[in-house]
Amino acid sequence: MEFFAALCLVLVIEGLLPFIAPKVWRETMTKVAQLNDGQLRMVGLLSIVVGLVSYWITTALIG
């Protein structure tokens, strides 16, 4: 159940920028589409690392 709740929260967060600033979101996605594979992989890796470290810190502080 917690995993499903986390996925729902991801959808909420992902939807914020297109809802609040669709023009900025569209311009950003156009720039992202122009990145090469290596750059996209680096962005993905950094997202994974930041997410895991944030999760680890949060769980260490709470529990």
PDB file of N, CA and C in Angstrom:
ATOM      1  N   MET A   1       0.817  -1.190   0.000  1.00  0.00           N
ATOM      2  CA  MET A   1       0.000   0.000   0.000  1.00  0.00           C
ATOM      3  C   MET A   1       0.867   1.262   0.000  1.00  0.00           C
ATOM      4  N   GLU A   2       1.981   1.246   0.731  1.00  0.00           N
ATOM      5  CA  GLU A   2       2.866   2.407   0.756  1.00  0.00           C
ATOM      6  C   GLU A   2       3.487   2.657  -0.616  1.00  0.00           C
ATOM      7  N   PHE A   3       3.788   1.577  -1.329  1.00  0.00           N
ATOM      8  CA  PHE A   3       4.359   1.719  -2.668  1.00  0.00           C
ATOM      9  C   PHE A   3       3.361   2.396  -3.601  1.00  0.00           C
ATOM     10  N   PHE A   4       2.100   2.001  -3.535  1.00  0.00           N
ATOM     11  CA  PHE A   4       1.053   2.614  -4.354  1.00  0.00           C
ATOM     12  C   PHE A   4       0.896   4.091  -4.000  1.00  0.00           C
ATOM     13  N   ALA A   5       0.940   4.404  -2.718  1.00  0.00           N
ATOM     14  CA  ALA A   5       0.841   5.798  -2.281  1.00  0.00           C
ATOM     15  C   ALA A   5       2.017   6.610  -2.823  1.00  0.00           C
ATOM     16  N   ALA A   6       3.205   6.021  -2.824  1.00  0.00           N
ATOM     17  CA  ALA A   6       4.382   6.709  -3.355  1.00  0.00           C
ATOM     18  C   ALA A   6       4.234   6.969  -4.852  1.00  0.00           C
ATOM     19  N   LEU A   7       3.711   5.997  -5.586  1.00  0.00           N
ATOM     20  CA  LEU A   7       3.486   6.191  -7.020  1.00  0.00           C
ATOM     21  C   LEU A   7       2.474   7.300  -7.279  1.00  0.00           C
ATOM     22  N   CYS A   8       1.438   7.352  -6.481  1.00  0.00           N
ATOM     23  CA  CYS A   8       0.439   8.419  -6.615  1.00  0.00           C
ATOM     24  C   CYS A   8       1.070   9.781  -6.356  1.00  0.00           C
ATOM     25  N   LEU A   9       1.922   9.858  -5.363  1.00  0.00           N
ATOM     26  CA  LEU A   9       2.605  11.112  -5.056  1.00  0.00           C
ATOM     27  C   LEU A   9       3.526  11.534  -6.200  1.00  0.00           C
ATOM     28  N   VAL A  10       4.181  10.574  -6.829  1.00  0.00           N
ATOM     29  CA  VAL A  10       5.019  10.876  -7.996  1.00  0.00           C
ATOM     30  C   VAL A  10       4.175  11.515  -9.095  1.00  0.00           C
ATOM     31  N   LEU A  11       2.995  10.976  -9.350  1.00  0.00           N
ATOM     32  CA  LEU A  11       2.113  11.547 -10.371  1.00  0.00           C
ATOM     33  C   LEU A  11       1.700  12.972 -10.029  1.00  0.00           C
ATOM     34  N   VAL A  12       1.416  13.215  -8.770  1.00  0.00           N
ATOM     35  CA  VAL A  12       1.048  14.570  -8.343  1.00  0.00           C
ATOM     36  C   VAL A  12       2.213  15.529  -8.589  1.00  0.00           C
ATOM     37  N   ILE A  13       3.400  15.135  -8.167  1.00  0.00           N
ATOM     38  CA  ILE A  13       4.579  15.990  -8.323  1.00  0.00           C
ATOM     39  C   ILE A  13       4.901  16.209  -9.802  1.00  0.00           C
ATOM     40  N   GLU A  14       4.826  15.141 -10.600  1.00  0.00           N
ATOM     41  CA  GLU A  14       5.105  15.252 -12.030  1.00  0.00           C
ATOM     42  C   GLU A  14       4.100  16.154 -12.737  1.00  0.00           C
ATOM     43  N   GLY A  15       2.893  16.238 -12.231  1.00  0.00           N
ATOM     44  CA  GLY A  15       1.864  17.048 -12.862  1.00  0.00           C
ATOM     45  C   GLY A  15       1.880  18.514 -12.473  1.00  0.00           C
ATOM     46  N   LEU A  16       2.638  18.863 -11.452  1.00  0.00           N
ATOM     47  CA  LEU A  16       2.636  20.248 -10.977  1.00  0.00           C
ATOM     48  C   LEU A  16       3.147  21.248 -12.015  1.00  0.00           C
ATOM     49  N   LEU A  17       4.312  21.007 -12.584  1.00  0.00           N
ATOM     50  CA  LEU A  17       4.890  21.981 -13.505  1.00  0.00           C
ATOM     51  C   LEU A  17       4.056  22.157 -14.775  1.00  0.00           C
ATOM     52  N   PRO A  18       3.597  21.071 -15.428  1.00  0.00           N
ATOM     53  CA  PRO A  18       2.757  21.293 -16.606  1.00  0.00           C
ATOM     54  C   PRO A  18       1.462  22.032 -16.270  1.00  0.00           C
ATOM     55  N   PHE A  19       0.953  21.859 -15.068  1.00  0.00           N
ATOM     56  CA  PHE A  19      -0.271  22.546 -14.665  1.00  0.00           C
ATOM     57  C   PHE A  19      -0.015  24.021 -14.368  1.00  0.00           C
ATOM     58  N   ILE A  20       1.077  24.291 -13.638  1.00  0.00           N
ATOM     59  CA  ILE A  20       1.371  25.659 -13.202  1.00  0.00           C
ATOM     60  C   ILE A  20       1.985  26.499 -14.328  1.00  0.00           C
ATOM     61  N   ALA A  21       2.915  25.914 -15.074  1.00  0.00           N
ATOM     62  CA  ALA A  21       3.637  26.672 -16.109  1.00  0.00           C
ATOM     63  C   ALA A  21       3.820  25.812 -17.360  1.00  0.00           C
ATOM     64  N   PRO A  22       2.769  25.619 -18.134  1.00  0.00           N
ATOM     65  CA  PRO A  22       2.872  24.730 -19.295  1.00  0.00           C
ATOM     66  C   PRO A  22       3.901  25.181 -20.336  1.00  0.00           C
ATOM     67  N   LYS A  23       4.056  26.485 -20.521  1.00  0.00           N
ATOM     68  CA  LYS A  23       5.022  26.976 -21.509  1.00  0.00           C
ATOM     69  C   LYS A  23       6.449  26.620 -21.093  1.00  0.00           C
ATOM     70  N   VAL A  24       6.768  26.847 -19.829  1.00  0.00           N
ATOM     71  CA  VAL A  24       8.105  26.521 -19.314  1.00  0.00           C
ATOM     72  C   VAL A  24       8.342  25.019 -19.406  1.00  0.00           C
ATOM     73  N   TRP A  25       7.330  24.231 -19.060  1.00  0.00           N
ATOM     74  CA  TRP A  25       7.455  22.775 -19.114  1.00  0.00           C
ATOM     75  C   TRP A  25       7.726  22.317 -20.545  1.00  0.00           C
ATOM     76  N   ARG A  26       6.991  22.856 -21.503  1.00  0.00           N
ATOM     77  CA  ARG A  26       7.160  22.486 -22.907  1.00  0.00           C
ATOM     78  C   ARG A  26       8.566  22.843 -23.398  1.00  0.00           C
ATOM     79  N   GLU A  27       9.045  24.035 -23.045  1.00  0.00           N
ATOM     80  CA  GLU A  27      10.398  24.449 -23.448  1.00  0.00           C
ATOM     81  C   GLU A  27      11.457  23.538 -22.833  1.00  0.00           C
ATOM     82  N   THR A  28      11.255  23.176 -21.573  1.00  0.00           N
ATOM     83  CA  THR A  28      12.201  22.291 -20.893  1.00  0.00           C
ATOM     84  C   THR A  28      12.226  20.919 -21.544  1.00  0.00           C
ATOM     85  N   MET A  29      11.057  20.374 -21.865  1.00  0.00           N
ATOM     86  CA  MET A  29      10.991  19.058 -22.499  1.00  0.00           C
ATOM     87  C   MET A  29      11.622  19.084 -23.890  1.00  0.00           C
ATOM     88  N   THR A  30      11.498  20.203 -24.597  1.00  0.00           N
ATOM     89  CA  THR A  30      12.143  20.339 -25.906  1.00  0.00           C
ATOM     90  C   THR A  30      13.658  20.285 -25.753  1.00  0.00           C
ATOM     91  N   LYS A  31      14.176  20.956 -24.731  1.00  0.00           N
ATOM     92  CA  LYS A  31      15.624  20.936 -24.478  1.00  0.00           C
ATOM     93  C   LYS A  31      16.086  19.546 -24.053  1.00  0.00           C
ATOM     94  N   VAL A  32      15.303  18.881 -23.223  1.00  0.00           N
ATOM     95  CA  VAL A  32      15.655  17.533 -22.766  1.00  0.00           C
ATOM     96  C   VAL A  32      15.694  16.569 -23.949  1.00  0.00           C
ATOM     97  N   ALA A  33      14.767  16.718 -24.879  1.00  0.00           N
ATOM     98  CA  ALA A  33      14.712  15.842 -26.051  1.00  0.00           C
ATOM     99  C   ALA A  33      15.953  15.990 -26.926  1.00  0.00           C
ATOM    100  N   GLN A  34      16.663  17.093 -26.802  1.00  0.00           N
ATOM    101  CA  GLN A  34      17.853  17.330 -27.614  1.00  0.00           C
ATOM    102  C   GLN A  34      19.132  16.797 -26.964  1.00  0.00           C
ATOM    103  N   LEU A  35      19.049  16.324 -25.733  1.00  0.00           N
ATOM    104  CA  LEU A  35      20.228  15.770 -25.064  1.00  0.00           C
ATOM    105  C   LEU A  35      20.614  14.448 -25.712  1.00  0.00           C
ATOM    106  N   ASN A  36      21.908  14.140 -25.695  1.00  0.00           N
ATOM    107  CA  ASN A  36      22.321  12.838 -26.223  1.00  0.00           C
ATOM    108  C   ASN A  36      22.096  11.761 -25.163  1.00  0.00           C
ATOM    109  N   ASP A  37      22.273  10.508 -25.554  1.00  0.00           N
ATOM    110  CA  ASP A  37      21.991   9.390 -24.648  1.00  0.00           C
ATOM    111  C   ASP A  37      22.813   9.451 -23.366  1.00  0.00           C
ATOM    112  N   GLY A  38      24.074   9.808 -23.477  1.00  0.00           N
ATOM    113  CA  GLY A  38      24.930   9.880 -22.295  1.00  0.00           C
ATOM    114  C   GLY A  38      24.455  10.928 -21.303  1.00  0.00           C
ATOM    115  N   GLN A  39      24.040  12.076 -21.818  1.00  0.00           N
ATOM    116  CA  GLN A  39      23.540  13.135 -20.944  1.00  0.00           C
ATOM    117  C   GLN A  39      22.241  12.711 -20.267  1.00  0.00           C
ATOM    118  N   LEU A  40      21.354  12.074 -21.020  1.00  0.00           N
ATOM    119  CA  LEU A  40      20.098  11.599 -20.425  1.00  0.00           C
ATOM    120  C   LEU A  40      20.352  10.549 -19.348  1.00  0.00           C
ATOM    121  N   ARG A  41      21.302   9.655 -19.616  1.00  0.00           N
ATOM    122  CA  ARG A  41      21.632   8.636 -18.611  1.00  0.00           C
ATOM    123  C   ARG A  41      22.182   9.283 -17.341  1.00  0.00           C
ATOM    124  N   MET A  42      22.994  10.329 -17.499  1.00  0.00           N
ATOM    125  CA  MET A  42      23.547  11.022 -16.335  1.00  0.00           C
ATOM    126  C   MET A  42      22.434  11.687 -15.530  1.00  0.00           C
ATOM    127  N   VAL A  43      21.480  12.311 -16.207  1.00  0.00           N
ATOM    128  CA  VAL A  43      20.335  12.912 -15.515  1.00  0.00           C
ATOM    129  C   VAL A  43      19.563  11.832 -14.761  1.00  0.00           C
ATOM    130  N   GLY A  44      19.338  10.693 -15.417  1.00  0.00           N
ATOM    131  CA  GLY A  44      18.640   9.590 -14.762  1.00  0.00           C
ATOM    132  C   GLY A  44      19.398   9.063 -13.558  1.00  0.00           C
ATOM    133  N   LEU A  45      20.707   8.893 -13.705  1.00  0.00           N
ATOM    134  CA  LEU A  45      21.531   8.402 -12.599  1.00  0.00           C
ATOM    135  C   LEU A  45      21.508   9.372 -11.424  1.00  0.00           C
ATOM    136  N   LEU A  46      21.635  10.657 -11.711  1.00  0.00           N
ATOM    137  CA  LEU A  46      21.598  11.652 -10.638  1.00  0.00           C
ATOM    138  C   LEU A  46      20.244  11.651  -9.932  1.00  0.00           C
ATOM    139  N   SER A  47      19.172  11.483 -10.687  1.00  0.00           N
ATOM    140  CA  SER A  47      17.841  11.412 -10.079  1.00  0.00           C
ATOM    141  C   SER A  47      17.727  10.207  -9.154  1.00  0.00           C
ATOM    142  N   ILE A  48      18.239   9.074  -9.607  1.00  0.00           N
ATOM    143  CA  ILE A  48      18.206   7.859  -8.787  1.00  0.00           C
ATOM    144  C   ILE A  48      18.998   8.063  -7.503  1.00  0.00           C
ATOM    145  N   VAL A  49      20.216   8.600  -7.620  1.00  0.00           N
ATOM    146  CA  VAL A  49      21.079   8.796  -6.447  1.00  0.00           C
ATOM    147  C   VAL A  49      20.449   9.778  -5.465  1.00  0.00           C
ATOM    148  N   VAL A  50      19.950  10.906  -5.970  1.00  0.00           N
ATOM    149  CA  VAL A  50      19.317  11.895  -5.086  1.00  0.00           C
ATOM    150  C   VAL A  50      18.098  11.286  -4.402  1.00  0.00           C
ATOM    151  N   GLY A  51      17.297  10.536  -5.136  1.00  0.00           N
ATOM    152  CA  GLY A  51      16.125   9.896  -4.547  1.00  0.00           C
ATOM    153  C   GLY A  51      16.490   8.881  -3.475  1.00  0.00           C
ATOM    154  N   LEU A  52      17.484   8.042  -3.755  1.00  0.00           N
ATOM    155  CA  LEU A  52      17.891   7.030  -2.776  1.00  0.00           C
ATOM    156  C   LEU A  52      18.507   7.657  -1.524  1.00  0.00           C
ATOM    157  N   VAL A  53      19.354   8.655  -1.713  1.00  0.00           N
ATOM    158  CA  VAL A  53      19.974   9.323  -0.561  1.00  0.00           C
ATOM    159  C   VAL A  53      18.909  10.038   0.268  1.00  0.00           C
ATOM    160  N   SER A  54      17.979  10.708  -0.399  1.00  0.00           N
ATOM    161  CA  SER A  54      16.897  11.388   0.319  1.00  0.00           C
ATOM    162  C   SER A  54      16.048  10.394   1.100  1.00  0.00           C
ATOM    163  N   TYR A  55      15.740   9.270   0.469  1.00  0.00           N
ATOM    164  CA  TYR A  55      14.961   8.230   1.147  1.00  0.00           C
ATOM    165  C   TYR A  55      15.729   7.690   2.351  1.00  0.00           C
ATOM    166  N   TRP A  56      17.017   7.435   2.172  1.00  0.00           N
ATOM    167  CA  TRP A  56      17.832   6.897   3.255  1.00  0.00           C
ATOM    168  C   TRP A  56      17.891   7.878   4.428  1.00  0.00           C
ATOM    169  N   ILE A  57      18.107   9.158   4.135  1.00  0.00           N
ATOM    170  CA  ILE A  57      18.165  10.170   5.199  1.00  0.00           C
ATOM    171  C   ILE A  57      16.822  10.267   5.912  1.00  0.00           C
ATOM    172  N   THR A  58      15.744  10.283   5.144  1.00  0.00           N
ATOM    173  CA  THR A  58      14.409  10.392   5.735  1.00  0.00           C
ATOM    174  C   THR A  58      14.105   9.210   6.645  1.00  0.00           C
ATOM    175  N   THR A  59      14.388   7.998   6.179  1.00  0.00           N
ATOM    176  CA  THR A  59      14.103   6.823   7.009  1.00  0.00           C
ATOM    177  C   THR A  59      15.030   6.756   8.220  1.00  0.00           C
ATOM    178  N   ALA A  60      16.261   7.242   8.078  1.00  0.00           N
ATOM    179  CA  ALA A  60      17.191   7.243   9.210  1.00  0.00           C
ATOM    180  C   ALA A  60      16.737   8.225  10.284  1.00  0.00           C
ATOM    181  N   LEU A  61      16.186   9.355   9.877  1.00  0.00           N
ATOM    182  CA  LEU A  61      15.733  10.358  10.841  1.00  0.00           C
ATOM    183  C   LEU A  61      14.429   9.950  11.523  1.00  0.00           C
ATOM    184  N   ILE A  62      13.558   9.295  10.780  1.00  0.00           N
ATOM    185  CA  ILE A  62      12.241   8.935  11.327  1.00  0.00           C
ATOM    186  C   ILE A  62      12.297   7.633  12.117  1.00  0.00           C
ATOM    187  N   GLY A  63      12.976   6.661  11.578  1.00  0.00           N
ATOM    188  CA  GLY A  63      12.870   5.360  12.217  1.00  0.00           C
ATOM    189  C   GLY A  63      14.155   4.786  12.569  1.00  0.00           C
TER     190      GLY A  63
END
